[in-house]
PDB file of N, CA and C in Angstrom:
ATOM      1  N   UNK A   1     -10.667  -7.603 -10.454  1.00  0.00           N
ATOM      2  CA  UNK A   1     -11.838  -6.762 -10.638  1.00  0.00           C
ATOM      3  C   UNK A   1     -11.560  -5.809 -11.800  1.00  0.00           C
ATOM      4  N   UNK A   2     -12.458  -5.751 -12.740  1.00  0.00           N
ATOM      5  CA  UNK A   2     -12.209  -5.059 -14.005  1.00  0.00           C
ATOM      6  C   UNK A   2     -12.062  -3.544 -13.886  1.00  0.00           C
ATOM      7  N   UNK A   3     -12.822  -2.904 -13.017  1.00  0.00           N
ATOM      8  CA  UNK A   3     -12.778  -1.447 -12.925  1.00  0.00           C
ATOM      9  C   UNK A   3     -11.904  -0.937 -11.783  1.00  0.00           C
ATOM     10  N   UNK A   4     -11.121  -1.791 -11.187  1.00  0.00           N
ATOM     11  CA  UNK A   4     -10.314  -1.400 -10.037  1.00  0.00           C
ATOM     12  C   UNK A   4      -9.036  -0.691 -10.489  1.00  0.00           C
ATOM     13  N   UNK A   5      -8.862   0.533 -10.027  1.00  0.00           N
ATOM     14  CA  UNK A   5      -7.683   1.331 -10.362  1.00  0.00           C
ATOM     15  C   UNK A   5      -6.393   0.606 -10.000  1.00  0.00           C
ATOM     16  N   UNK A   6      -6.318   0.060  -8.795  1.00  0.00           N
ATOM     17  CA  UNK A   6      -5.074  -0.573  -8.360  1.00  0.00           C
ATOM     18  C   UNK A   6      -4.831  -1.895  -9.071  1.00  0.00           C
ATOM     19  N   UNK A   7      -5.869  -2.624  -9.438  1.00  0.00           N
ATOM     20  CA  UNK A   7      -5.672  -3.831 -10.256  1.00  0.00           C
ATOM     21  C   UNK A   7      -5.054  -3.445 -11.595  1.00  0.00           C
ATOM     22  N   UNK A   8      -5.518  -2.333 -12.163  1.00  0.00           N
ATOM     23  CA  UNK A   8      -4.974  -1.871 -13.451  1.00  0.00           C
ATOM     24  C   UNK A   8      -3.527  -1.404 -13.306  1.00  0.00           C
ATOM     25  N   UNK A   9      -3.198  -0.745 -12.198  1.00  0.00           N
ATOM     26  CA  UNK A   9      -1.822  -0.322 -11.958  1.00  0.00           C
ATOM     27  C   UNK A   9      -0.922  -1.547 -11.811  1.00  0.00           C
ATOM     28  N   UNK A  10      -1.352  -2.516 -11.017  1.00  0.00           N
ATOM     29  CA  UNK A  10      -0.548  -3.736 -10.809  1.00  0.00           C
ATOM     30  C   UNK A  10      -0.350  -4.517 -12.101  1.00  0.00           C
ATOM     31  N   UNK A  11      -1.336  -4.449 -12.994  1.00  0.00           N
ATOM     32  CA  UNK A  11      -1.250  -5.153 -14.273  1.00  0.00           C
ATOM     33  C   UNK A  11      -0.456  -4.376 -15.317  1.00  0.00           C
ATOM     34  N   UNK A  12      -0.029  -3.145 -14.995  1.00  0.00           N
ATOM     35  CA  UNK A  12       0.726  -2.331 -15.932  1.00  0.00           C
ATOM     36  C   UNK A  12      -0.138  -1.596 -16.944  1.00  0.00           C
ATOM     37  N   UNK A  13      -1.444  -1.602 -16.751  1.00  0.00           N
ATOM     38  CA  UNK A  13      -2.358  -0.920 -17.669  1.00  0.00           C
ATOM     39  C   UNK A  13      -2.395   0.585 -17.426  1.00  0.00           C
ATOM     40  N   UNK A  14      -2.045   1.005 -16.223  1.00  0.00           N
ATOM     41  CA  UNK A  14      -1.960   2.418 -15.865  1.00  0.00           C
ATOM     42  C   UNK A  14      -0.553   2.646 -15.348  1.00  0.00           C
ATOM     43  N   UNK A  15       0.147   3.660 -15.862  1.00  0.00           N
ATOM     44  CA  UNK A  15       1.531   3.877 -15.434  1.00  0.00           C
ATOM     45  C   UNK A  15       1.630   4.309 -13.970  1.00  0.00           C
ATOM     46  N   UNK A  16       2.727   3.932 -13.354  1.00  0.00           N
ATOM     47  CA  UNK A  16       3.034   4.340 -11.984  1.00  0.00           C
ATOM     48  C   UNK A  16       4.549   4.353 -11.829  1.00  0.00           C
ATOM     49  N   UNK A  17       4.988   4.969 -10.757  1.00  0.00           N
ATOM     50  CA  UNK A  17       6.423   5.002 -10.465  1.00  0.00           C
ATOM     51  C   UNK A  17       6.718   3.844  -9.502  1.00  0.00           C
ATOM     52  N   UNK A  18       7.147   2.734 -10.081  1.00  0.00           N
ATOM     53  CA  UNK A  18       7.336   1.494  -9.323  1.00  0.00           C
ATOM     54  C   UNK A  18       8.484   1.599  -8.330  1.00  0.00           C
ATOM     55  N   UNK A  19       8.232   1.058  -7.135  1.00  0.00           N
ATOM     56  CA  UNK A  19       9.254   0.917  -6.112  1.00  0.00           C
ATOM     57  C   UNK A  19       9.720  -0.533  -6.050  1.00  0.00           C
ATOM     58  N   UNK A  20       8.760  -1.455  -6.229  1.00  0.00           N
ATOM     59  CA  UNK A  20       9.057  -2.877  -6.076  1.00  0.00           C
ATOM     60  C   UNK A  20       7.942  -3.691  -6.734  1.00  0.00           C
ATOM     61  N   UNK A  21       8.322  -4.885  -7.214  1.00  0.00           N
ATOM     62  CA  UNK A  21       7.319  -5.797  -7.736  1.00  0.00           C
ATOM     63  C   UNK A  21       7.830  -7.225  -7.633  1.00  0.00           C
ATOM     64  N   UNK A  22       6.937  -8.121  -7.257  1.00  0.00           N
ATOM     65  CA  UNK A  22       7.200  -9.550  -7.353  1.00  0.00           C
ATOM     66  C   UNK A  22       5.910 -10.210  -7.833  1.00  0.00           C
ATOM     67  N   UNK A  23       5.810 -11.498  -7.735  1.00  0.00           N
ATOM     68  CA  UNK A  23       4.642 -12.191  -8.266  1.00  0.00           C
ATOM     69  C   UNK A  23       3.371 -11.969  -7.446  1.00  0.00           C
ATOM     70  N   UNK A  24       3.503 -11.471  -6.208  1.00  0.00           N
ATOM     71  CA  UNK A  24       2.333 -11.302  -5.335  1.00  0.00           C
ATOM     72  C   UNK A  24       1.980  -9.866  -4.993  1.00  0.00           C
ATOM     73  N   UNK A  25       2.960  -8.975  -4.993  1.00  0.00           N
ATOM     74  CA  UNK A  25       2.698  -7.589  -4.587  1.00  0.00           C
ATOM     75  C   UNK A  25       3.332  -6.595  -5.556  1.00  0.00           C
ATOM     76  N   UNK A  26       2.826  -5.379  -5.476  1.00  0.00           N
ATOM     77  CA  UNK A  26       3.348  -4.274  -6.273  1.00  0.00           C
ATOM     78  C   UNK A  26       3.427  -3.066  -5.343  1.00  0.00           C
ATOM     79  N   UNK A  27       4.509  -2.320  -5.425  1.00  0.00           N
ATOM     80  CA  UNK A  27       4.676  -1.108  -4.621  1.00  0.00           C
ATOM     81  C   UNK A  27       5.004   0.049  -5.553  1.00  0.00           C
ATOM     82  N   UNK A  28       4.399   1.201  -5.280  1.00  0.00           N
ATOM     83  CA  UNK A  28       4.593   2.364  -6.134  1.00  0.00           C
ATOM     84  C   UNK A  28       4.425   3.646  -5.324  1.00  0.00           C
ATOM     85  N   UNK A  29       5.055   4.713  -5.823  1.00  0.00           N
ATOM     86  CA  UNK A  29       4.975   5.999  -5.129  1.00  0.00           C
ATOM     87  C   UNK A  29       3.588   6.614  -5.290  1.00  0.00           C
ATOM     88  N   UNK A  30       3.107   7.216  -4.207  1.00  0.00           N
ATOM     89  CA  UNK A  30       1.801   7.872  -4.202  1.00  0.00           C
ATOM     90  C   UNK A  30       1.843   9.099  -5.112  1.00  0.00           C
ATOM     91  N   UNK A  31       0.772   9.326  -5.870  1.00  0.00           N
ATOM     92  CA  UNK A  31       0.739  10.482  -6.774  1.00  0.00           C
ATOM     93  C   UNK A  31       0.471  11.787  -6.030  1.00  0.00           C
ATOM     94  N   UNK A  32       0.031  11.716  -4.781  1.00  0.00           N
ATOM     95  CA  UNK A  32      -0.213  12.897  -3.951  1.00  0.00           C
ATOM     96  C   UNK A  32       0.464  12.665  -2.600  1.00  0.00           C
ATOM     97  N   UNK A  33       1.806  12.686  -2.562  1.00  0.00           N
ATOM     98  CA  UNK A  33       2.512  12.305  -1.341  1.00  0.00           C
ATOM     99  C   UNK A  33       2.202  13.219  -0.159  1.00  0.00           C
ATOM    100  N   UNK A  34       2.062  12.575   1.000  1.00  0.00           N
ATOM    101  CA  UNK A  34       1.781  13.287   2.246  1.00  0.00           C
ATOM    102  C   UNK A  34       2.999  13.331   3.162  1.00  0.00           C
ATOM    103  N   UNK A  35       4.130  12.876   2.659  1.00  0.00           N
ATOM    104  CA  UNK A  35       5.400  12.889   3.382  1.00  0.00           C
ATOM    105  C   UNK A  35       6.511  12.835   2.332  1.00  0.00           C
ATOM    106  N   UNK A  36       7.737  13.206   2.708  1.00  0.00           N
ATOM    107  CA  UNK A  36       8.831  13.144   1.741  1.00  0.00           C
ATOM    108  C   UNK A  36       8.984  11.776   1.073  1.00  0.00           C
ATOM    109  N   UNK A  37       8.757  10.712   1.826  1.00  0.00           N
ATOM    110  CA  UNK A  37       8.688   9.373   1.239  1.00  0.00           C
ATOM    111  C   UNK A  37       7.276   8.860   1.481  1.00  0.00           C
ATOM    112  N   UNK A  38       6.591   8.499   0.403  1.00  0.00           N
ATOM    113  CA  UNK A  38       5.213   8.006   0.517  1.00  0.00           C
ATOM    114  C   UNK A  38       4.952   7.061  -0.647  1.00  0.00           C
ATOM    115  N   UNK A  39       4.902   5.783  -0.321  1.00  0.00           N
ATOM    116  CA  UNK A  39       4.573   4.802  -1.347  1.00  0.00           C
ATOM    117  C   UNK A  39       3.487   3.872  -0.840  1.00  0.00           C
ATOM    118  N   UNK A  40       2.880   3.142  -1.758  1.00  0.00           N
ATOM    119  CA  UNK A  40       1.827   2.196  -1.434  1.00  0.00           C
ATOM    120  C   UNK A  40       2.306   0.793  -1.768  1.00  0.00           C
ATOM    121  N   UNK A  41       1.889  -0.157  -0.957  1.00  0.00           N
ATOM    122  CA  UNK A  41       2.135  -1.568  -1.215  1.00  0.00           C
ATOM    123  C   UNK A  41       0.775  -2.232  -1.338  1.00  0.00           C
ATOM    124  N   UNK A  42       0.561  -2.916  -2.472  1.00  0.00           N
ATOM    125  CA  UNK A  42      -0.730  -3.557  -2.728  1.00  0.00           C
ATOM    126  C   UNK A  42      -0.518  -5.016  -3.118  1.00  0.00           C
ATOM    127  N   UNK A  43      -1.454  -5.866  -2.729  1.00  0.00           N
ATOM    128  CA  UNK A  43      -1.409  -7.215  -3.278  1.00  0.00           C
ATOM    129  C   UNK A  43      -1.909  -7.176  -4.721  1.00  0.00           C
ATOM    130  N   UNK A  44      -1.351  -8.007  -5.569  1.00  0.00           N
ATOM    131  CA  UNK A  44      -1.849  -8.078  -6.946  1.00  0.00           C
ATOM    132  C   UNK A  44      -3.233  -8.724  -6.974  1.00  0.00           C
ATOM    133  N   UNK A  45      -3.487  -9.608  -6.040  1.00  0.00           N
ATOM    134  CA  UNK A  45      -4.808 -10.218  -5.883  1.00  0.00           C
ATOM    135  C   UNK A  45      -5.772  -9.148  -5.384  1.00  0.00           C
ATOM    136  N   UNK A  46      -6.950  -9.069  -5.976  1.00  0.00           N
ATOM    137  CA  UNK A  46      -7.918  -8.065  -5.524  1.00  0.00           C
ATOM    138  C   UNK A  46      -8.522  -8.486  -4.189  1.00  0.00           C
ATOM    139  N   UNK A  47      -8.276  -7.652  -3.184  1.00  0.00           N
ATOM    140  CA  UNK A  47      -8.888  -7.768  -1.858  1.00  0.00           C
ATOM    141  C   UNK A  47      -9.412  -6.371  -1.569  1.00  0.00           C
ATOM    142  N   UNK A  48     -10.660  -6.233  -1.197  1.00  0.00           N
ATOM    143  CA  UNK A  48     -11.276  -4.906  -1.085  1.00  0.00           C
ATOM    144  C   UNK A  48     -10.669  -4.039   0.015  1.00  0.00           C
ATOM    145  N   UNK A  49     -10.351  -4.618   1.163  1.00  0.00           N
ATOM    146  CA  UNK A  49      -9.783  -3.854   2.280  1.00  0.00           C
ATOM    147  C   UNK A  49      -9.345  -4.826   3.363  1.00  0.00           C
ATOM    148  N   UNK A  50      -8.821  -4.300   4.458  1.00  0.00           N
ATOM    149  CA  UNK A  50      -8.453  -5.138   5.595  1.00  0.00           C
ATOM    150  C   UNK A  50      -9.665  -5.932   6.078  1.00  0.00           C
ATOM    151  N   UNK A  51     -10.856  -5.360   5.955  1.00  0.00           N
ATOM    152  CA  UNK A  51     -12.076  -6.028   6.404  1.00  0.00           C
ATOM    153  C   UNK A  51     -12.367  -7.300   5.603  1.00  0.00           C
ATOM    154  N   UNK A  52     -11.726  -7.469   4.465  1.00  0.00           N
ATOM    155  CA  UNK A  52     -11.941  -8.656   3.632  1.00  0.00           C
ATOM    156  C   UNK A  52     -10.818  -9.686   3.766  1.00  0.00           C
ATOM    157  N   UNK A  53      -9.890  -9.466   4.694  1.00  0.00           N
ATOM    158  CA  UNK A  53      -8.801 -10.414   4.898  1.00  0.00           C
ATOM    159  C   UNK A  53      -9.340 -11.616   5.664  1.00  0.00           C
ATOM    160  N   UNK A  54      -9.001 -12.809   5.164  1.00  0.00           N
ATOM    161  CA  UNK A  54      -9.418 -14.047   5.820  1.00  0.00           C
ATOM    162  C   UNK A  54      -8.348 -15.104   5.610  1.00  0.00           C
ATOM    163  N   UNK A  55      -8.649 -16.318   6.031  1.00  0.00           N
ATOM    164  CA  UNK A  55      -7.664 -17.392   5.957  1.00  0.00           C
ATOM    165  C   UNK A  55      -7.215 -17.671   4.517  1.00  0.00           C
ATOM    166  N   UNK A  56      -8.072 -17.380   3.551  1.00  0.00           N
ATOM    167  CA  UNK A  56      -7.720 -17.674   2.155  1.00  0.00           C
ATOM    168  C   UNK A  56      -6.751 -16.670   1.549  1.00  0.00           C
ATOM    169  N   UNK A  57      -6.611 -15.483   2.150  1.00  0.00           N
ATOM    170  CA  UNK A  57      -5.760 -14.455   1.545  1.00  0.00           C
ATOM    171  C   UNK A  57      -4.778 -13.813   2.522  1.00  0.00           C
ATOM    172  N   UNK A  58      -4.738 -14.265   3.744  1.00  0.00           N
ATOM    173  CA  UNK A  58      -3.894 -13.604   4.745  1.00  0.00           C
ATOM    174  C   UNK A  58      -2.398 -13.759   4.473  1.00  0.00           C
ATOM    175  N   UNK A  59      -1.990 -14.784   3.759  1.00  0.00           N
ATOM    176  CA  UNK A  59      -0.564 -14.957   3.463  1.00  0.00           C
ATOM    177  C   UNK A  59      -0.029 -13.807   2.612  1.00  0.00           C
ATOM    178  N   UNK A  60      -0.829 -13.315   1.680  1.00  0.00           N
ATOM    179  CA  UNK A  60      -0.361 -12.204   0.849  1.00  0.00           C
ATOM    180  C   UNK A  60      -0.275 -10.914   1.672  1.00  0.00           C
ATOM    181  N   UNK A  61      -1.113 -10.792   2.679  1.00  0.00           N
ATOM    182  CA  UNK A  61      -1.041  -9.617   3.560  1.00  0.00           C
ATOM    183  C   UNK A  61       0.253  -9.662   4.366  1.00  0.00           C
ATOM    184  N   UNK A  62       0.600 -10.834   4.881  1.00  0.00           N
ATOM    185  CA  UNK A  62       1.877 -10.979   5.584  1.00  0.00           C
ATOM    186  C   UNK A  62       3.033 -10.640   4.653  1.00  0.00           C
ATOM    187  N   UNK A  63       2.928 -11.067   3.405  1.00  0.00           N
ATOM    188  CA  UNK A  63       3.986 -10.766   2.437  1.00  0.00           C
ATOM    189  C   UNK A  63       4.078  -9.254   2.186  1.00  0.00           C
ATOM    190  N   UNK A  64       2.950  -8.566   2.172  1.00  0.00           N
ATOM    191  CA  UNK A  64       2.977  -7.102   2.029  1.00  0.00           C
ATOM    192  C   UNK A  64       3.842  -6.480   3.123  1.00  0.00           C
ATOM    193  N   UNK A  65       3.678  -6.955   4.354  1.00  0.00           N
ATOM    194  CA  UNK A  65       4.465  -6.400   5.455  1.00  0.00           C
ATOM    195  C   UNK A  65       5.929  -6.802   5.368  1.00  0.00           C
ATOM    196  N   UNK A  66       6.231  -7.967   4.851  1.00  0.00           N
ATOM    197  CA  UNK A  66       7.624  -8.342   4.608  1.00  0.00           C
ATOM    198  C   UNK A  66       8.254  -7.394   3.593  1.00  0.00           C
ATOM    199  N   UNK A  67       7.498  -7.050   2.559  1.00  0.00           N
ATOM    200  CA  UNK A  67       7.988  -6.125   1.534  1.00  0.00           C
ATOM    201  C   UNK A  67       8.156  -4.729   2.123  1.00  0.00           C
ATOM    202  N   UNK A  68       7.223  -4.297   2.949  1.00  0.00           N
ATOM    203  CA  UNK A  68       7.349  -2.984   3.594  1.00  0.00           C
ATOM    204  C   UNK A  68       8.644  -2.918   4.401  1.00  0.00           C
ATOM    205  N   UNK A  69       8.925  -3.947   5.172  1.00  0.00           N
ATOM    206  CA  UNK A  69      10.146  -3.997   5.977  1.00  0.00           C
ATOM    207  C   UNK A  69      11.390  -3.936   5.098  1.00  0.00           C
ATOM    208  N   UNK A  70      11.388  -4.709   4.024  1.00  0.00           N
ATOM    209  CA  UNK A  70      12.520  -4.738   3.084  1.00  0.00           C
ATOM    210  C   UNK A  70      12.740  -3.363   2.451  1.00  0.00           C
ATOM    211  N   UNK A  71      11.665  -2.738   1.962  1.00  0.00           N
ATOM    212  CA  UNK A  71      11.794  -1.441   1.301  1.00  0.00           C
ATOM    213  C   UNK A  71      12.218  -0.350   2.274  1.00  0.00           C
ATOM    214  N   UNK A  72      11.670  -0.377   3.479  1.00  0.00           N
ATOM    215  CA  UNK A  72      12.060   0.621   4.483  1.00  0.00           C
ATOM    216  C   UNK A  72      13.560   0.548   4.748  1.00  0.00           C
ATOM    217  N   UNK A  73      14.089  -0.659   4.864  1.00  0.00           N
ATOM    218  CA  UNK A  73      15.527  -0.817   5.096  1.00  0.00           C
ATOM    219  C   UNK A  73      16.321  -0.334   3.885  1.00  0.00           C
ATOM    220  N   UNK A  74      15.897  -0.722   2.684  1.00  0.00           N
ATOM    221  CA  UNK A  74      16.610  -0.321   1.468  1.00  0.00           C
ATOM    222  C   UNK A  74      16.593   1.190   1.265  1.00  0.00           C
ATOM    223  N   UNK A  75      15.506   1.837   1.666  1.00  0.00           N
ATOM    224  CA  UNK A  75      15.385   3.285   1.486  1.00  0.00           C
ATOM    225  C   UNK A  75      15.923   4.070   2.679  1.00  0.00           C
ATOM    226  N   UNK A  76      16.484   3.383   3.673  1.00  0.00           N
ATOM    227  CA  UNK A  76      17.083   4.048   4.830  1.00  0.00           C
ATOM    228  C   UNK A  76      16.074   4.711   5.747  1.00  0.00           C
ATOM    229  N   UNK A  77      14.882   4.171   5.798  1.00  0.00           N
ATOM    230  CA  UNK A  77      13.835   4.747   6.643  1.00  0.00           C
ATOM    231  C   UNK A  77      13.998   4.219   8.071  1.00  0.00           C
ATOM    232  N   UNK A  78      14.437   5.099   8.976  1.00  0.00           N
ATOM    233  CA  UNK A  78      14.630   4.685  10.367  1.00  0.00           C
ATOM    234  C   UNK A  78      13.309   4.584  11.107  1.00  0.00           C
ATOM    235  N   UNK A  79      12.359   5.418  10.731  1.00  0.00           N
ATOM    236  CA  UNK A  79      11.019   5.338  11.305  1.00  0.00           C
ATOM    237  C   UNK A  79      10.026   5.645  10.201  1.00  0.00           C
ATOM    238  N   UNK A  80       8.856   5.064  10.326  1.00  0.00           N
ATOM    239  CA  UNK A  80       7.854   5.240   9.283  1.00  0.00           C
ATOM    240  C   UNK A  80       6.490   4.872   9.829  1.00  0.00           C
ATOM    241  N   UNK A  81       5.469   5.259   9.117  1.00  0.00           N
ATOM    242  CA  UNK A  81       4.090   4.937   9.476  1.00  0.00           C
ATOM    243  C   UNK A  81       3.478   4.119   8.350  1.00  0.00           C
ATOM    244  N   UNK A  82       2.701   3.102   8.733  1.00  0.00           N
ATOM    245  CA  UNK A  82       1.957   2.284   7.780  1.00  0.00           C
ATOM    246  C   UNK A  82       0.478   2.509   8.071  1.00  0.00           C
ATOM    247  N   UNK A  83      -0.274   2.869   7.024  1.00  0.00           N
ATOM    248  CA  UNK A  83      -1.691   3.199   7.185  1.00  0.00           C
ATOM    249  C   UNK A  83      -2.510   2.417   6.170  1.00  0.00           C
ATOM    250  N   UNK A  84      -3.641   1.897   6.626  1.00  0.00           N
ATOM    251  CA  UNK A  84      -4.625   1.314   5.721  1.00  0.00           C
ATOM    252  C   UNK A  84      -5.998   1.812   6.150  1.00  0.00           C
ATOM    253  N   UNK A  85      -6.661   2.521   5.275  1.00  0.00           N
ATOM    254  CA  UNK A  85      -8.000   3.030   5.549  1.00  0.00           C
ATOM    255  C   UNK A  85      -9.022   1.973   5.136  1.00  0.00           C
ATOM    256  N   UNK A  86     -10.027   1.765   5.970  1.00  0.00           N
ATOM    257  CA  UNK A  86     -11.031   0.751   5.706  1.00  0.00           C
ATOM    258  C   UNK A  86     -12.398   1.420   5.709  1.00  0.00           C
ATOM    259  N   UNK A  87     -12.963   1.591   4.523  1.00  0.00           N
ATOM    260  CA  UNK A  87     -14.281   2.208   4.390  1.00  0.00           C
ATOM    261  C   UNK A  87     -14.212   3.692   4.096  1.00  0.00           C
ATOM    262  N   UNK A  88     -15.287   4.203   3.532  1.00  0.00           N
ATOM    263  CA  UNK A  88     -15.330   5.609   3.118  1.00  0.00           C
ATOM    264  C   UNK A  88     -15.129   6.576   4.276  1.00  0.00           C
ATOM    265  N   UNK A  89     -15.760   6.336   5.414  1.00  0.00           N
ATOM    266  CA  UNK A  89     -15.639   7.257   6.540  1.00  0.00           C
ATOM    267  C   UNK A  89     -14.202   7.339   7.040  1.00  0.00           C
ATOM    268  N   UNK A  90     -13.446   6.277   6.872  1.00  0.00           N
ATOM    269  CA  UNK A  90     -12.042   6.265   7.282  1.00  0.00           C
ATOM    270  C   UNK A  90     -11.124   6.851   6.218  1.00  0.00           C
ATOM    271  N   UNK A  91     -11.676   7.180   5.047  1.00  0.00           N
ATOM    272  CA  UNK A  91     -10.875   7.804   4.004  1.00  0.00           C
ATOM    273  C   UNK A  91     -10.461   6.882   2.873  1.00  0.00           C
ATOM    274  N   UNK A  92     -10.994   5.659   2.831  1.00  0.00           N
ATOM    275  CA  UNK A  92     -10.637   4.762   1.729  1.00  0.00           C
ATOM    276  C   UNK A  92     -11.329   5.241   0.460  1.00  0.00           C
ATOM    277  N   UNK A  93     -10.531   5.522  -0.563  1.00  0.00           N
ATOM    278  CA  UNK A  93     -11.096   5.996  -1.834  1.00  0.00           C
ATOM    279  C   UNK A  93     -10.911   4.985  -2.963  1.00  0.00           C
ATOM    280  N   UNK A  94      -9.957   4.071  -2.806  1.00  0.00           N
ATOM    281  CA  UNK A  94      -9.780   2.986  -3.771  1.00  0.00           C
ATOM    282  C   UNK A  94     -10.024   1.693  -3.001  1.00  0.00           C
ATOM    283  N   UNK A  95     -11.021   0.936  -3.432  1.00  0.00           N
ATOM    284  CA  UNK A  95     -11.429  -0.252  -2.685  1.00  0.00           C
ATOM    285  C   UNK A  95     -10.675  -1.494  -3.154  1.00  0.00           C
ATOM    286  N   UNK A  96      -9.358  -1.389  -2.957  1.00  0.00           N
ATOM    287  CA  UNK A  96      -8.387  -2.472  -3.169  1.00  0.00           C
ATOM    288  C   UNK A  96      -7.426  -2.320  -2.002  1.00  0.00           C
ATOM    289  N   UNK A  97      -7.215  -3.379  -1.251  1.00  0.00           N
ATOM    290  CA  UNK A  97      -6.341  -3.320  -0.091  1.00  0.00           C
ATOM    291  C   UNK A  97      -5.018  -2.660  -0.453  1.00  0.00           C
ATOM    292  N   UNK A  98      -4.637  -1.671   0.333  1.00  0.00           N
ATOM    293  CA  UNK A  98      -3.346  -1.030   0.121  1.00  0.00           C
ATOM    294  C   UNK A  98      -2.828  -0.467   1.433  1.00  0.00           C
ATOM    295  N   UNK A  99      -1.524  -0.437   1.527  1.00  0.00           N
ATOM    296  CA  UNK A  99      -0.850   0.077   2.707  1.00  0.00           C
ATOM    297  C   UNK A  99      -0.017   1.283   2.297  1.00  0.00           C
ATOM    298  N   UNK A 100      -0.336   2.443   2.883  1.00  0.00           N
ATOM    299  CA  UNK A 100       0.468   3.646   2.687  1.00  0.00           C
ATOM    300  C   UNK A 100       1.677   3.527   3.610  1.00  0.00           C
ATOM    301  N   UNK A 101       2.854   3.796   3.093  1.00  0.00           N
ATOM    302  CA  UNK A 101       4.073   3.814   3.892  1.00  0.00           C
ATOM    303  C   UNK A 101       4.623   5.231   3.785  1.00  0.00           C
ATOM    304  N   UNK A 102       4.692   5.917   4.936  1.00  0.00           N
ATOM    305  CA  UNK A 102       5.093   7.323   4.974  1.00  0.00           C
ATOM    306  C   UNK A 102       6.290   7.505   5.892  1.00  0.00           C
ATOM    307  N   UNK A 103       7.214   8.365   5.462  1.00  0.00           N
ATOM    308  CA  UNK A 103       8.407   8.614   6.259  1.00  0.00           C
ATOM    309  C   UNK A 103       9.016   9.949   5.847  1.00  0.00           C
ATOM    310  N   UNK A 104       9.928  10.432   6.681  1.00  0.00           N
ATOM    311  CA  UNK A 104      10.678  11.627   6.331  1.00  0.00           C
ATOM    312  C   UNK A 104      10.178  12.908   6.978  1.00  0.00           C
ATOM    313  N   UNK A 105       9.180  12.796   7.834  1.00  0.00           N
ATOM    314  CA  UNK A 105       8.699  13.958   8.595  1.00  0.00           C
ATOM    315  C   UNK A 105       8.107  13.456   9.887  1.00  0.00           C
ATOM    316  N   UNK A 106       7.924  14.377  10.834  1.00  0.00           N
ATOM    317  CA  UNK A 106       7.261  14.008  12.075  1.00  0.00           C
ATOM    318  C   UNK A 106       5.810  13.675  11.787  1.00  0.00           C
ATOM    319  N   UNK A 107       5.344  12.594  12.358  1.00  0.00           N
ATOM    320  CA  UNK A 107       3.953  12.171  12.211  1.00  0.00           C
ATOM    321  C   UNK A 107       3.206  12.567  13.480  1.00  0.00           C
ATOM    322  N   UNK A 108       2.140  13.298  13.341  1.00  0.00           N
ATOM    323  CA  UNK A 108       1.372  13.730  14.507  1.00  0.00           C
ATOM    324  C   UNK A 108       0.399  12.641  14.938  1.00  0.00           C
ATOM    325  N   UNK A 109      -0.045  12.756  16.186  1.00  0.00           N
ATOM    326  CA  UNK A 109      -1.043  11.826  16.717  1.00  0.00           C
ATOM    327  C   UNK A 109      -2.028  12.612  17.549  1.00  0.00           C
ATOM    328  N   UNK A 110      -3.289  12.432  17.448  1.00  0.00           N
ATOM    329  CA  UNK A 110      -3.893  11.444  16.563  1.00  0.00           C
ATOM    330  C   UNK A 110      -3.849  11.906  15.119  1.00  0.00           C
ATOM    331  N   UNK A 111      -3.869  10.941  14.173  1.00  0.00           N
ATOM    332  CA  UNK A 111      -3.858  11.314  12.755  1.00  0.00           C
ATOM    333  C   UNK A 111      -5.158  12.002  12.389  1.00  0.00           C
ATOM    334  N   UNK A 112      -5.097  12.835  11.385  1.00  0.00           N
ATOM    335  CA  UNK A 112      -6.208  13.685  11.019  1.00  0.00           C
ATOM    336  C   UNK A 112      -7.252  13.066  10.224  1.00  0.00           C
TER     337      UNK A 112
END
C-alpha cells in the first residue's frame, strides 16, 4: 500500500531503529515507548489488521510470533505483553498489522 507508514518503514523509506529483519517480517523499536522495552513486529506484506488475517496470509502471522519468541529470548525478556489493536476504537492508528511487544515493567490489568 503506497501511503502506509509501516510499509514505508519495512521498505527502508522511513528510518527506524531496527531490532530484526528477514524476508517476511521487520521489527523495530517504538518511537513512543510505553515500557522500558517496546518494539513492534510487522509483516512486510500489507495486512490491515488482525481482522484481515485469513488462510492466504496466516503463515506470516505465525512467523511474527516465532520472531517475537526469538527476540524475547535474545533480549532476556522473562515476561512480556503482546498487543495488537484492531480498529480506531481499540486504538489502532496505523492500519498495517503490527504487534507491540512490551516488557520491563509491571503490566496492569485491565489495560487502559
